[in-house]
């Protein structure tokens, strides 16, 4: 899927990660924002 993302980006389509949805368990609790941001950065962005 990652290689498909590269193909999309090469076509000029921006690919964005949607966080949450109607199902699942997702929260950013008090004091946890920076740690979660680090996880996103390291797993999906420039980290």
ModelCIF file with pLDDT and N, C-alpha, C, O atoms, coordinates in Angstrom:
data_MODEL
#
_entry.id   MODEL 
#
_entity.id                         1 
_entity.type                       polymer 
_entity.pdbx_number_of_molecules   1 
#
_entity_poly.entity_id                      1 
_entity_poly.type                           'polypeptide(L)' 
_entity_poly.nstd_linkage                   no 
_entity_poly.nstd_monomer                   no 
_entity_poly.pdbx_seq_one_letter_code       
;(UNK)(UNK)(UNK)(UNK)(UNK)(UNK)(UNK)(UNK)(UNK)(UNK)(UNK)(UNK)(UNK)(UNK)(UNK)(UNK)
(UNK)(UNK)(UNK)(UNK)(UNK)(UNK)(UNK)(UNK)(UNK)(UNK)(UNK)(UNK)(UNK)(UNK)(UNK)(UNK)
(UNK)(UNK)(UNK)(UNK)(UNK)(UNK)(UNK)(UNK)(UNK)(UNK)(UNK)(UNK)(UNK)(UNK)(UNK)
;
_entity_poly.pdbx_seq_one_letter_code_can   XXXXXXXXXXXXXXXXXXXXXXXXXXXXXXXXXXXXXXXXXXXXXXX 
_entity_poly.pdbx_strand_id                 A 
#
loop_
_entity_poly_seq.entity_id 
_entity_poly_seq.num 
_entity_poly_seq.mon_id 
_entity_poly_seq.hetero 
1 1  UNK n 
1 2  UNK n 
1 3  UNK n 
1 4  UNK n 
1 5  UNK n 
1 6  UNK n 
1 7  UNK n 
1 8  UNK n 
1 9  UNK n 
1 10 UNK n 
1 11 UNK n 
1 12 UNK n 
1 13 UNK n 
1 14 UNK n 
1 15 UNK n 
1 16 UNK n 
1 17 UNK n 
1 18 UNK n 
1 19 UNK n 
1 20 UNK n 
1 21 UNK n 
1 22 UNK n 
1 23 UNK n 
1 24 UNK n 
1 25 UNK n 
1 26 UNK n 
1 27 UNK n 
1 28 UNK n 
1 29 UNK n 
1 30 UNK n 
1 31 UNK n 
1 32 UNK n 
1 33 UNK n 
1 34 UNK n 
1 35 UNK n 
1 36 UNK n 
1 37 UNK n 
1 38 UNK n 
1 39 UNK n 
1 40 UNK n 
1 41 UNK n 
1 42 UNK n 
1 43 UNK n 
1 44 UNK n 
1 45 UNK n 
1 46 UNK n 
1 47 UNK n 
#
_struct_asym.id          A 
_struct_asym.entity_id   1 
#
loop_
_ma_qa_metric.id 
_ma_qa_metric.mode 
_ma_qa_metric.name 
_ma_qa_metric.software_group_id 
_ma_qa_metric.type 
1 global pLDDT . pLDDT 
2 local  pLDDT . pLDDT 
#
_ma_qa_metric_global.metric_id      1 
_ma_qa_metric_global.metric_value   95.83 
_ma_qa_metric_global.model_id       1 
_ma_qa_metric_global.ordinal_id     1 
#
loop_
_ma_qa_metric_local.label_asym_id 
_ma_qa_metric_local.label_comp_id 
_ma_qa_metric_local.label_seq_id 
_ma_qa_metric_local.metric_id 
_ma_qa_metric_local.metric_value 
_ma_qa_metric_local.model_id 
_ma_qa_metric_local.ordinal_id 
A UNK 1  2 98.00 1 1  
A UNK 2  2 98.00 1 2  
A UNK 3  2 98.00 1 3  
A UNK 4  2 98.00 1 4  
A UNK 5  2 98.00 1 5  
A UNK 6  2 98.00 1 6  
A UNK 7  2 98.00 1 7  
A UNK 8  2 98.00 1 8  
A UNK 9  2 98.00 1 9  
A UNK 10 2 98.00 1 10 
A UNK 11 2 98.00 1 11 
A UNK 12 2 97.00 1 12 
A UNK 13 2 98.00 1 13 
A UNK 14 2 98.00 1 14 
A UNK 15 2 98.00 1 15 
A UNK 16 2 98.00 1 16 
A UNK 17 2 98.00 1 17 
A UNK 18 2 98.00 1 18 
A UNK 19 2 97.00 1 19 
A UNK 20 2 95.00 1 20 
A UNK 21 2 94.00 1 21 
A UNK 22 2 88.00 1 22 
A UNK 23 2 85.00 1 23 
A UNK 24 2 81.00 1 24 
A UNK 25 2 88.00 1 25 
A UNK 26 2 92.00 1 26 
A UNK 27 2 92.00 1 27 
A UNK 28 2 94.00 1 28 
A UNK 29 2 92.00 1 29 
A UNK 30 2 94.00 1 30 
A UNK 31 2 95.00 1 31 
A UNK 32 2 95.00 1 32 
A UNK 33 2 96.00 1 33 
A UNK 34 2 96.00 1 34 
A UNK 35 2 96.00 1 35 
A UNK 36 2 96.00 1 36 
A UNK 37 2 97.00 1 37 
A UNK 38 2 97.00 1 38 
A UNK 39 2 97.00 1 39 
A UNK 40 2 98.00 1 40 
A UNK 41 2 98.00 1 41 
A UNK 42 2 98.00 1 42 
A UNK 43 2 98.00 1 43 
A UNK 44 2 98.00 1 44 
A UNK 45 2 98.00 1 45 
A UNK 46 2 98.00 1 46 
A UNK 47 2 98.00 1 47 
#
loop_
_atom_site.group_PDB 
_atom_site.id 
_atom_site.type_symbol 
_atom_site.label_atom_id 
_atom_site.label_alt_id 
_atom_site.label_comp_id 
_atom_site.label_asym_id 
_atom_site.label_entity_id 
_atom_site.label_seq_id 
_atom_site.pdbx_PDB_ins_code 
_atom_site.Cartn_x 
_atom_site.Cartn_y 
_atom_site.Cartn_z 
_atom_site.occupancy 
_atom_site.B_iso_or_equiv 
_atom_site.pdbx_formal_charge 
_atom_site.auth_seq_id 
_atom_site.auth_comp_id 
_atom_site.auth_asym_id 
_atom_site.auth_atom_id 
_atom_site.pdbx_PDB_model_num 
ATOM 1   N N  . UNK A 1 1  ? 0.849   -1.201 0.000  1.00 98.00 ? 1  UNK A N  1 
ATOM 2   C CA . UNK A 1 1  ? 0.000   0.000  0.000  1.00 98.00 ? 1  UNK A CA 1 
ATOM 3   C C  . UNK A 1 1  ? 0.883   1.248  0.000  1.00 98.00 ? 1  UNK A C  1 
ATOM 4   O O  . UNK A 1 1  ? 0.549   2.253  -0.628 1.00 98.00 ? 1  UNK A O  1 
ATOM 5   N N  . UNK A 1 2  ? 2.011   1.175  0.709  1.00 98.00 ? 2  UNK A N  1 
ATOM 6   C CA . UNK A 1 2  ? 2.943   2.289  0.727  1.00 98.00 ? 2  UNK A CA 1 
ATOM 7   C C  . UNK A 1 2  ? 3.443   2.642  -0.662 1.00 98.00 ? 2  UNK A C  1 
ATOM 8   O O  . UNK A 1 2  ? 3.572   3.819  -0.998 1.00 98.00 ? 2  UNK A O  1 
ATOM 9   N N  . UNK A 1 3  ? 3.727   1.631  -1.471 1.00 98.00 ? 3  UNK A N  1 
ATOM 10  C CA . UNK A 1 3  ? 4.168   1.908  -2.831 1.00 98.00 ? 3  UNK A CA 1 
ATOM 11  C C  . UNK A 1 3  ? 3.045   2.528  -3.665 1.00 98.00 ? 3  UNK A C  1 
ATOM 12  O O  . UNK A 1 3  ? 3.299   3.341  -4.554 1.00 98.00 ? 3  UNK A O  1 
ATOM 13  N N  . UNK A 1 4  ? 1.797   2.135  -3.370 1.00 98.00 ? 4  UNK A N  1 
ATOM 14  C CA . UNK A 1 4  ? 0.658   2.777  -4.030 1.00 98.00 ? 4  UNK A CA 1 
ATOM 15  C C  . UNK A 1 4  ? 0.558   4.247  -3.620 1.00 98.00 ? 4  UNK A C  1 
ATOM 16  O O  . UNK A 1 4  ? 0.222   5.108  -4.433 1.00 98.00 ? 4  UNK A O  1 
ATOM 17  N N  . UNK A 1 5  ? 0.853   4.518  -2.351 1.00 98.00 ? 5  UNK A N  1 
ATOM 18  C CA . UNK A 1 5  ? 0.851   5.907  -1.885 1.00 98.00 ? 5  UNK A CA 1 
ATOM 19  C C  . UNK A 1 5  ? 1.867   6.725  -2.667 1.00 98.00 ? 5  UNK A C  1 
ATOM 20  O O  . UNK A 1 5  ? 1.579   7.849  -3.078 1.00 98.00 ? 5  UNK A O  1 
ATOM 21  N N  . UNK A 1 6  ? 3.044   6.171  -2.871 1.00 98.00 ? 6  UNK A N  1 
ATOM 22  C CA . UNK A 1 6  ? 4.071   6.871  -3.657 1.00 98.00 ? 6  UNK A CA 1 
ATOM 23  C C  . UNK A 1 6  ? 3.578   7.132  -5.080 1.00 98.00 ? 6  UNK A C  1 
ATOM 24  O O  . UNK A 1 6  ? 3.799   8.209  -5.633 1.00 98.00 ? 6  UNK A O  1 
ATOM 25  N N  . UNK A 1 7  ? 2.912   6.143  -5.663 1.00 98.00 ? 7  UNK A N  1 
ATOM 26  C CA . UNK A 1 7  ? 2.365   6.322  -7.008 1.00 98.00 ? 7  UNK A CA 1 
ATOM 27  C C  . UNK A 1 7  ? 1.350   7.461  -7.035 1.00 98.00 ? 7  UNK A C  1 
ATOM 28  O O  . UNK A 1 7  ? 1.353   8.288  -7.946 1.00 98.00 ? 7  UNK A O  1 
ATOM 29  N N  . UNK A 1 8  ? 0.484   7.491  -6.027 1.00 98.00 ? 8  UNK A N  1 
ATOM 30  C CA . UNK A 1 8  ? -0.521  8.559  -5.948 1.00 98.00 ? 8  UNK A CA 1 
ATOM 31  C C  . UNK A 1 8  ? 0.140   9.921  -5.826 1.00 98.00 ? 8  UNK A C  1 
ATOM 32  O O  . UNK A 1 8  ? -0.232  10.865 -6.523 1.00 98.00 ? 8  UNK A O  1 
ATOM 33  N N  . UNK A 1 9  ? 1.114   10.019 -4.947 1.00 98.00 ? 9  UNK A N  1 
ATOM 34  C CA . UNK A 1 9  ? 1.809   11.292 -4.756 1.00 98.00 ? 9  UNK A CA 1 
ATOM 35  C C  . UNK A 1 9  ? 2.514   11.737 -6.025 1.00 98.00 ? 9  UNK A C  1 
ATOM 36  O O  . UNK A 1 9  ? 2.558   12.929 -6.328 1.00 98.00 ? 9  UNK A O  1 
ATOM 37  N N  . UNK A 1 10 ? 3.061   10.795 -6.761 1.00 98.00 ? 10 UNK A N  1 
ATOM 38  C CA . UNK A 1 10 ? 3.717   11.128 -8.029 1.00 98.00 ? 10 UNK A CA 1 
ATOM 39  C C  . UNK A 1 10 ? 2.721   11.641 -9.061 1.00 98.00 ? 10 UNK A C  1 
ATOM 40  O O  . UNK A 1 10 ? 3.089   12.357 -9.992 1.00 98.00 ? 10 UNK A O  1 
ATOM 41  N N  . UNK A 1 11 ? 1.445   11.261 -8.883 1.00 98.00 ? 11 UNK A N  1 
ATOM 42  C CA . UNK A 1 11 ? 0.385   11.752 -9.770 1.00 98.00 ? 11 UNK A CA 1 
ATOM 43  C C  . UNK A 1 11 ? -0.185  13.087 -9.291 1.00 98.00 ? 11 UNK A C  1 
ATOM 44  O O  . UNK A 1 11 ? -1.069  13.652 -9.936 1.00 98.00 ? 11 UNK A O  1 
ATOM 45  N N  . UNK A 1 12 ? 0.312   13.588 -8.171 1.00 97.00 ? 12 UNK A N  1 
ATOM 46  C CA . UNK A 1 12 ? -0.156  14.859 -7.638 1.00 97.00 ? 12 UNK A CA 1 
ATOM 47  C C  . UNK A 1 12 ? -1.276  14.749 -6.632 1.00 97.00 ? 12 UNK A C  1 
ATOM 48  O O  . UNK A 1 12 ? -1.841  15.766 -6.228 1.00 97.00 ? 12 UNK A O  1 
ATOM 49  N N  . UNK A 1 13 ? -1.618  13.527 -6.211 1.00 98.00 ? 13 UNK A N  1 
ATOM 50  C CA . UNK A 1 13 ? -2.676  13.319 -5.216 1.00 98.00 ? 13 UNK A CA 1 
ATOM 51  C C  . UNK A 1 13 ? -2.044  13.322 -3.824 1.00 98.00 ? 13 UNK A C  1 
ATOM 52  O O  . UNK A 1 13 ? -1.097  12.579 -3.570 1.00 98.00 ? 13 UNK A O  1 
ATOM 53  N N  . UNK A 1 14 ? -2.560  14.148 -2.933 1.00 98.00 ? 14 UNK A N  1 
ATOM 54  C CA . UNK A 1 14 ? -2.058  14.176 -1.566 1.00 98.00 ? 14 UNK A CA 1 
ATOM 55  C C  . UNK A 1 14 ? -2.739  13.082 -0.750 1.00 98.00 ? 14 UNK A C  1 
ATOM 56  O O  . UNK A 1 14 ? -3.946  12.864 -0.856 1.00 98.00 ? 14 UNK A O  1 
ATOM 57  N N  . UNK A 1 15 ? -1.936  12.396 0.070  1.00 98.00 ? 15 UNK A N  1 
ATOM 58  C CA . UNK A 1 15 ? -2.437  11.276 0.864  1.00 98.00 ? 15 UNK A CA 1 
ATOM 59  C C  . UNK A 1 15 ? -2.332  11.639 2.344  1.00 98.00 ? 15 UNK A C  1 
ATOM 60  O O  . UNK A 1 15 ? -1.254  11.931 2.861  1.00 98.00 ? 15 UNK A O  1 
ATOM 61  N N  . UNK A 1 16 ? -3.488  11.610 3.006  1.00 98.00 ? 16 UNK A N  1 
ATOM 62  C CA . UNK A 1 16 ? -3.633  12.092 4.377  1.00 98.00 ? 16 UNK A CA 1 
ATOM 63  C C  . UNK A 1 16 ? -4.088  10.938 5.272  1.00 98.00 ? 16 UNK A C  1 
ATOM 64  O O  . UNK A 1 16 ? -4.858  10.082 4.836  1.00 98.00 ? 16 UNK A O  1 
ATOM 65  N N  . UNK A 1 17 ? -3.619  10.912 6.505  1.00 98.00 ? 17 UNK A N  1 
ATOM 66  C CA . UNK A 1 17 ? -4.004  9.879  7.459  1.00 98.00 ? 17 UNK A CA 1 
ATOM 67  C C  . UNK A 1 17 ? -5.189  10.356 8.296  1.00 98.00 ? 17 UNK A C  1 
ATOM 68  O O  . UNK A 1 17 ? -5.082  11.340 9.028  1.00 98.00 ? 17 UNK A O  1 
ATOM 69  N N  . UNK A 1 18 ? -6.324  9.651  8.183  1.00 98.00 ? 18 UNK A N  1 
ATOM 70  C CA . UNK A 1 18 ? -7.518  9.992  8.960  1.00 98.00 ? 18 UNK A CA 1 
ATOM 71  C C  . UNK A 1 18 ? -7.449  9.312  10.327 1.00 98.00 ? 18 UNK A C  1 
ATOM 72  O O  . UNK A 1 18 ? -7.225  8.106  10.429 1.00 98.00 ? 18 UNK A O  1 
ATOM 73  N N  . UNK A 1 19 ? -7.644  10.104 11.358 1.00 97.00 ? 19 UNK A N  1 
ATOM 74  C CA . UNK A 1 19 ? -7.513  9.641  12.734 1.00 97.00 ? 19 UNK A CA 1 
ATOM 75  C C  . UNK A 1 19 ? -8.887  9.505  13.372 1.00 97.00 ? 19 UNK A C  1 
ATOM 76  O O  . UNK A 1 19 ? -9.604  10.493 13.525 1.00 97.00 ? 19 UNK A O  1 
ATOM 77  N N  . UNK A 1 20 ? -9.254  8.284  13.744 1.00 95.00 ? 20 UNK A N  1 
ATOM 78  C CA . UNK A 1 20 ? -10.499 8.104  14.480 1.00 95.00 ? 20 UNK A CA 1 
ATOM 79  C C  . UNK A 1 20 ? -11.514 7.260  13.756 1.00 95.00 ? 20 UNK A C  1 
ATOM 80  O O  . UNK A 1 20 ? -11.297 6.071  13.525 1.00 95.00 ? 20 UNK A O  1 
ATOM 81  N N  . UNK A 1 21 ? -12.646 7.888  13.391 1.00 94.00 ? 21 UNK A N  1 
ATOM 82  C CA . UNK A 1 21 ? -13.743 7.158  12.788 1.00 94.00 ? 21 UNK A CA 1 
ATOM 83  C C  . UNK A 1 21 ? -14.816 6.845  13.808 1.00 94.00 ? 21 UNK A C  1 
ATOM 84  O O  . UNK A 1 21 ? -14.672 7.126  14.998 1.00 94.00 ? 21 UNK A O  1 
ATOM 85  N N  . UNK A 1 22 ? -15.900 6.256  13.316 1.00 88.00 ? 22 UNK A N  1 
ATOM 86  C CA . UNK A 1 22 ? -17.041 5.972  14.189 1.00 88.00 ? 22 UNK A CA 1 
ATOM 87  C C  . UNK A 1 22 ? -16.778 4.812  15.139 1.00 88.00 ? 22 UNK A C  1 
ATOM 88  O O  . UNK A 1 22 ? -17.404 4.724  16.195 1.00 88.00 ? 22 UNK A O  1 
ATOM 89  N N  . UNK A 1 23 ? -15.854 3.918  14.774 1.00 85.00 ? 23 UNK A N  1 
ATOM 90  C CA . UNK A 1 23 ? -15.557 2.749  15.599 1.00 85.00 ? 23 UNK A CA 1 
ATOM 91  C C  . UNK A 1 23 ? -14.136 2.849  16.150 1.00 85.00 ? 23 UNK A C  1 
ATOM 92  O O  . UNK A 1 23 ? -13.421 3.813  15.874 1.00 85.00 ? 23 UNK A O  1 
ATOM 93  N N  . UNK A 1 24 ? -13.738 1.857  16.924 1.00 81.00 ? 24 UNK A N  1 
ATOM 94  C CA . UNK A 1 24 ? -12.396 1.841  17.477 1.00 81.00 ? 24 UNK A CA 1 
ATOM 95  C C  . UNK A 1 24 ? -12.318 2.594  18.790 1.00 81.00 ? 24 UNK A C  1 
ATOM 96  O O  . UNK A 1 24 ? -13.329 3.054  19.322 1.00 81.00 ? 24 UNK A O  1 
ATOM 97  N N  . UNK A 1 25 ? -11.096 2.715  19.308 1.00 88.00 ? 25 UNK A N  1 
ATOM 98  C CA . UNK A 1 25 ? -10.860 3.371  20.590 1.00 88.00 ? 25 UNK A CA 1 
ATOM 99  C C  . UNK A 1 25 ? -9.736  4.376  20.386 1.00 88.00 ? 25 UNK A C  1 
ATOM 100 O O  . UNK A 1 25 ? -8.575  3.995  20.234 1.00 88.00 ? 25 UNK A O  1 
ATOM 101 N N  . UNK A 1 26 ? -10.076 5.648  20.384 1.00 92.00 ? 26 UNK A N  1 
ATOM 102 C CA . UNK A 1 26 ? -9.074  6.664  20.066 1.00 92.00 ? 26 UNK A CA 1 
ATOM 103 C C  . UNK A 1 26 ? -9.288  7.892  20.932 1.00 92.00 ? 26 UNK A C  1 
ATOM 104 O O  . UNK A 1 26 ? -10.355 8.505  20.910 1.00 92.00 ? 26 UNK A O  1 
ATOM 105 N N  . UNK A 1 27 ? -8.272  8.239  21.686 1.00 92.00 ? 27 UNK A N  1 
ATOM 106 C CA . UNK A 1 27 ? -8.328  9.425  22.532 1.00 92.00 ? 27 UNK A CA 1 
ATOM 107 C C  . UNK A 1 27 ? -6.938  10.034 22.625 1.00 92.00 ? 27 UNK A C  1 
ATOM 108 O O  . UNK A 1 27 ? -5.932  9.326  22.580 1.00 92.00 ? 27 UNK A O  1 
ATOM 109 N N  . UNK A 1 28 ? -6.894  11.352 22.754 1.00 94.00 ? 28 UNK A N  1 
ATOM 110 C CA . UNK A 1 28 ? -5.654  12.038 23.080 1.00 94.00 ? 28 UNK A CA 1 
ATOM 111 C C  . UNK A 1 28 ? -5.896  12.689 24.444 1.00 94.00 ? 28 UNK A C  1 
ATOM 112 O O  . UNK A 1 28 ? -6.499  13.758 24.545 1.00 94.00 ? 28 UNK A O  1 
ATOM 113 N N  . UNK A 1 29 ? -5.414  12.020 25.477 1.00 92.00 ? 29 UNK A N  1 
ATOM 114 C CA . UNK A 1 29 ? -5.700  12.429 26.839 1.00 92.00 ? 29 UNK A CA 1 
ATOM 115 C C  . UNK A 1 29 ? -4.767  13.544 27.292 1.00 92.00 ? 29 UNK A C  1 
ATOM 116 O O  . UNK A 1 29 ? -3.736  13.795 26.668 1.00 92.00 ? 29 UNK A O  1 
ATOM 117 N N  . UNK A 1 30 ? -5.129  14.197 28.364 1.00 94.00 ? 30 UNK A N  1 
ATOM 118 C CA . UNK A 1 30 ? -4.316  15.267 28.921 1.00 94.00 ? 30 UNK A CA 1 
ATOM 119 C C  . UNK A 1 30 ? -2.901  14.777 29.192 1.00 94.00 ? 30 UNK A C  1 
ATOM 120 O O  . UNK A 1 30 ? -2.694  13.750 29.837 1.00 94.00 ? 30 UNK A O  1 
ATOM 121 N N  . UNK A 1 31 ? -1.935  15.532 28.685 1.00 95.00 ? 31 UNK A N  1 
ATOM 122 C CA . UNK A 1 31 ? -0.533  15.184 28.891 1.00 95.00 ? 31 UNK A CA 1 
ATOM 123 C C  . UNK A 1 31 ? 0.039   14.203 27.893 1.00 95.00 ? 31 UNK A C  1 
ATOM 124 O O  . UNK A 1 31 ? 1.227   13.888 27.957 1.00 95.00 ? 31 UNK A O  1 
ATOM 125 N N  . UNK A 1 32 ? -0.782  13.703 26.961 1.00 95.00 ? 32 UNK A N  1 
ATOM 126 C CA . UNK A 1 32 ? -0.339  12.666 26.031 1.00 95.00 ? 32 UNK A CA 1 
ATOM 127 C C  . UNK A 1 32 ? -0.127  13.171 24.608 1.00 95.00 ? 32 UNK A C  1 
ATOM 128 O O  . UNK A 1 32 ? 0.298   12.405 23.743 1.00 95.00 ? 32 UNK A O  1 
ATOM 129 N N  . UNK A 1 33 ? -0.414  14.451 24.348 1.00 96.00 ? 33 UNK A N  1 
ATOM 130 C CA . UNK A 1 33 ? -0.369  14.950 22.985 1.00 96.00 ? 33 UNK A CA 1 
ATOM 131 C C  . UNK A 1 33 ? 0.992   14.835 22.342 1.00 96.00 ? 33 UNK A C  1 
ATOM 132 O O  . UNK A 1 33 ? 1.105   14.399 21.196 1.00 96.00 ? 33 UNK A O  1 
ATOM 133 N N  . UNK A 1 34 ? 2.036   15.222 23.071 1.00 96.00 ? 34 UNK A N  1 
ATOM 134 C CA . UNK A 1 34 ? 3.383   15.201 22.487 1.00 96.00 ? 34 UNK A CA 1 
ATOM 135 C C  . UNK A 1 34 ? 3.826   13.777 22.188 1.00 96.00 ? 34 UNK A C  1 
ATOM 136 O O  . UNK A 1 34 ? 4.431   13.525 21.146 1.00 96.00 ? 34 UNK A O  1 
ATOM 137 N N  . UNK A 1 35 ? 3.537   12.852 23.080 1.00 96.00 ? 35 UNK A N  1 
ATOM 138 C CA . UNK A 1 35 ? 3.928   11.459 22.852 1.00 96.00 ? 35 UNK A CA 1 
ATOM 139 C C  . UNK A 1 35 ? 3.214   10.884 21.643 1.00 96.00 ? 35 UNK A C  1 
ATOM 140 O O  . UNK A 1 35 ? 3.819   10.159 20.854 1.00 96.00 ? 35 UNK A O  1 
ATOM 141 N N  . UNK A 1 36 ? 1.935   11.197 21.489 1.00 96.00 ? 36 UNK A N  1 
ATOM 142 C CA . UNK A 1 36 ? 1.198   10.711 20.322 1.00 96.00 ? 36 UNK A CA 1 
ATOM 143 C C  . UNK A 1 36 ? 1.716   11.364 19.051 1.00 96.00 ? 36 UNK A C  1 
ATOM 144 O O  . UNK A 1 36 ? 1.833   10.707 18.017 1.00 96.00 ? 36 UNK A O  1 
ATOM 145 N N  . UNK A 1 37 ? 2.026   12.658 19.121 1.00 97.00 ? 37 UNK A N  1 
ATOM 146 C CA . UNK A 1 37 ? 2.581   13.354 17.959 1.00 97.00 ? 37 UNK A CA 1 
ATOM 147 C C  . UNK A 1 37 ? 3.904   12.733 17.530 1.00 97.00 ? 37 UNK A C  1 
ATOM 148 O O  . UNK A 1 37 ? 4.168   12.591 16.336 1.00 97.00 ? 37 UNK A O  1 
ATOM 149 N N  . UNK A 1 38 ? 4.730   12.365 18.494 1.00 97.00 ? 38 UNK A N  1 
ATOM 150 C CA . UNK A 1 38 ? 6.000   11.711 18.174 1.00 97.00 ? 38 UNK A CA 1 
ATOM 151 C C  . UNK A 1 38 ? 5.757   10.385 17.460 1.00 97.00 ? 38 UNK A C  1 
ATOM 152 O O  . UNK A 1 38 ? 6.464   10.041 16.513 1.00 97.00 ? 38 UNK A O  1 
ATOM 153 N N  . UNK A 1 39 ? 4.751   9.647  17.922 1.00 97.00 ? 39 UNK A N  1 
ATOM 154 C CA . UNK A 1 39 ? 4.420   8.375  17.281 1.00 97.00 ? 39 UNK A CA 1 
ATOM 155 C C  . UNK A 1 39 ? 3.991   8.595  15.834 1.00 97.00 ? 39 UNK A C  1 
ATOM 156 O O  . UNK A 1 39 ? 4.446   7.882  14.939 1.00 97.00 ? 39 UNK A O  1 
ATOM 157 N N  . UNK A 1 40 ? 3.121   9.577  15.595 1.00 98.00 ? 40 UNK A N  1 
ATOM 158 C CA . UNK A 1 40 ? 2.699   9.874  14.223 1.00 98.00 ? 40 UNK A CA 1 
ATOM 159 C C  . UNK A 1 40 ? 3.887   10.293 13.366 1.00 98.00 ? 40 UNK A C  1 
ATOM 160 O O  . UNK A 1 40 ? 4.060   9.798  12.253 1.00 98.00 ? 40 UNK A O  1 
ATOM 161 N N  . UNK A 1 41 ? 4.697   11.198 13.884 1.00 98.00 ? 41 UNK A N  1 
ATOM 162 C CA . UNK A 1 41 ? 5.849   11.697 13.135 1.00 98.00 ? 41 UNK A CA 1 
ATOM 163 C C  . UNK A 1 41 ? 6.799   10.564 12.762 1.00 98.00 ? 41 UNK A C  1 
ATOM 164 O O  . UNK A 1 41 ? 7.273   10.485 11.629 1.00 98.00 ? 41 UNK A O  1 
ATOM 165 N N  . UNK A 1 42 ? 7.072   9.691  13.724 1.00 98.00 ? 42 UNK A N  1 
ATOM 166 C CA . UNK A 1 42 ? 8.041   8.619  13.489 1.00 98.00 ? 42 UNK A CA 1 
ATOM 167 C C  . UNK A 1 42 ? 7.490   7.489  12.641 1.00 98.00 ? 42 UNK A C  1 
ATOM 168 O O  . UNK A 1 42 ? 8.248   6.798  11.960 1.00 98.00 ? 42 UNK A O  1 
ATOM 169 N N  . UNK A 1 43 ? 6.176   7.292  12.675 1.00 98.00 ? 43 UNK A N  1 
ATOM 170 C CA . UNK A 1 43 ? 5.584   6.157  11.967 1.00 98.00 ? 43 UNK A CA 1 
ATOM 171 C C  . UNK A 1 43 ? 5.055   6.503  10.577 1.00 98.00 ? 43 UNK A C  1 
ATOM 172 O O  . UNK A 1 43 ? 4.966   5.628  9.716  1.00 98.00 ? 43 UNK A O  1 
ATOM 173 N N  . UNK A 1 44 ? 4.698   7.785  10.345 1.00 98.00 ? 44 UNK A N  1 
ATOM 174 C CA . UNK A 1 44 ? 4.034   8.135  9.091  1.00 98.00 ? 44 UNK A CA 1 
ATOM 175 C C  . UNK A 1 44 ? 4.609   9.369  8.384  1.00 98.00 ? 44 UNK A C  1 
ATOM 176 O O  . UNK A 1 44 ? 4.278   9.640  7.229  1.00 98.00 ? 44 UNK A O  1 
ATOM 177 N N  . UNK A 1 45 ? 5.469   10.110 9.083  1.00 98.00 ? 45 UNK A N  1 
ATOM 178 C CA . UNK A 1 45 ? 5.965   11.355 8.496  1.00 98.00 ? 45 UNK A CA 1 
ATOM 179 C C  . UNK A 1 45 ? 7.492   11.346 8.446  1.00 98.00 ? 45 UNK A C  1 
ATOM 180 O O  . UNK A 1 45 ? 8.076   10.345 8.032  1.00 98.00 ? 45 UNK A O  1 
ATOM 181 N N  . UNK A 1 46 ? 8.147   12.415 8.849  1.00 98.00 ? 46 UNK A N  1 
ATOM 182 C CA . UNK A 1 46 ? 9.572   12.552 8.598  1.00 98.00 ? 46 UNK A CA 1 
ATOM 183 C C  . UNK A 1 46 ? 10.503  11.901 9.596  1.00 98.00 ? 46 UNK A C  1 
ATOM 184 O O  . UNK A 1 46 ? 11.721  12.002 9.455  1.00 98.00 ? 46 UNK A O  1 
ATOM 185 N N  . UNK A 1 47 ? 9.956   11.231 10.608 1.00 98.00 ? 47 UNK A N  1 
ATOM 186 C CA . UNK A 1 47 ? 10.785  10.580 11.603 1.00 98.00 ? 47 UNK A CA 1 
ATOM 187 C C  . UNK A 1 47 ? 11.165  9.160  11.203 1.00 98.00 ? 47 UNK A C  1 
ATOM 188 O O  . UNK A 1 47 ? 11.868  8.477  11.947 1.00 98.00 ? 47 UNK A O  1 
#
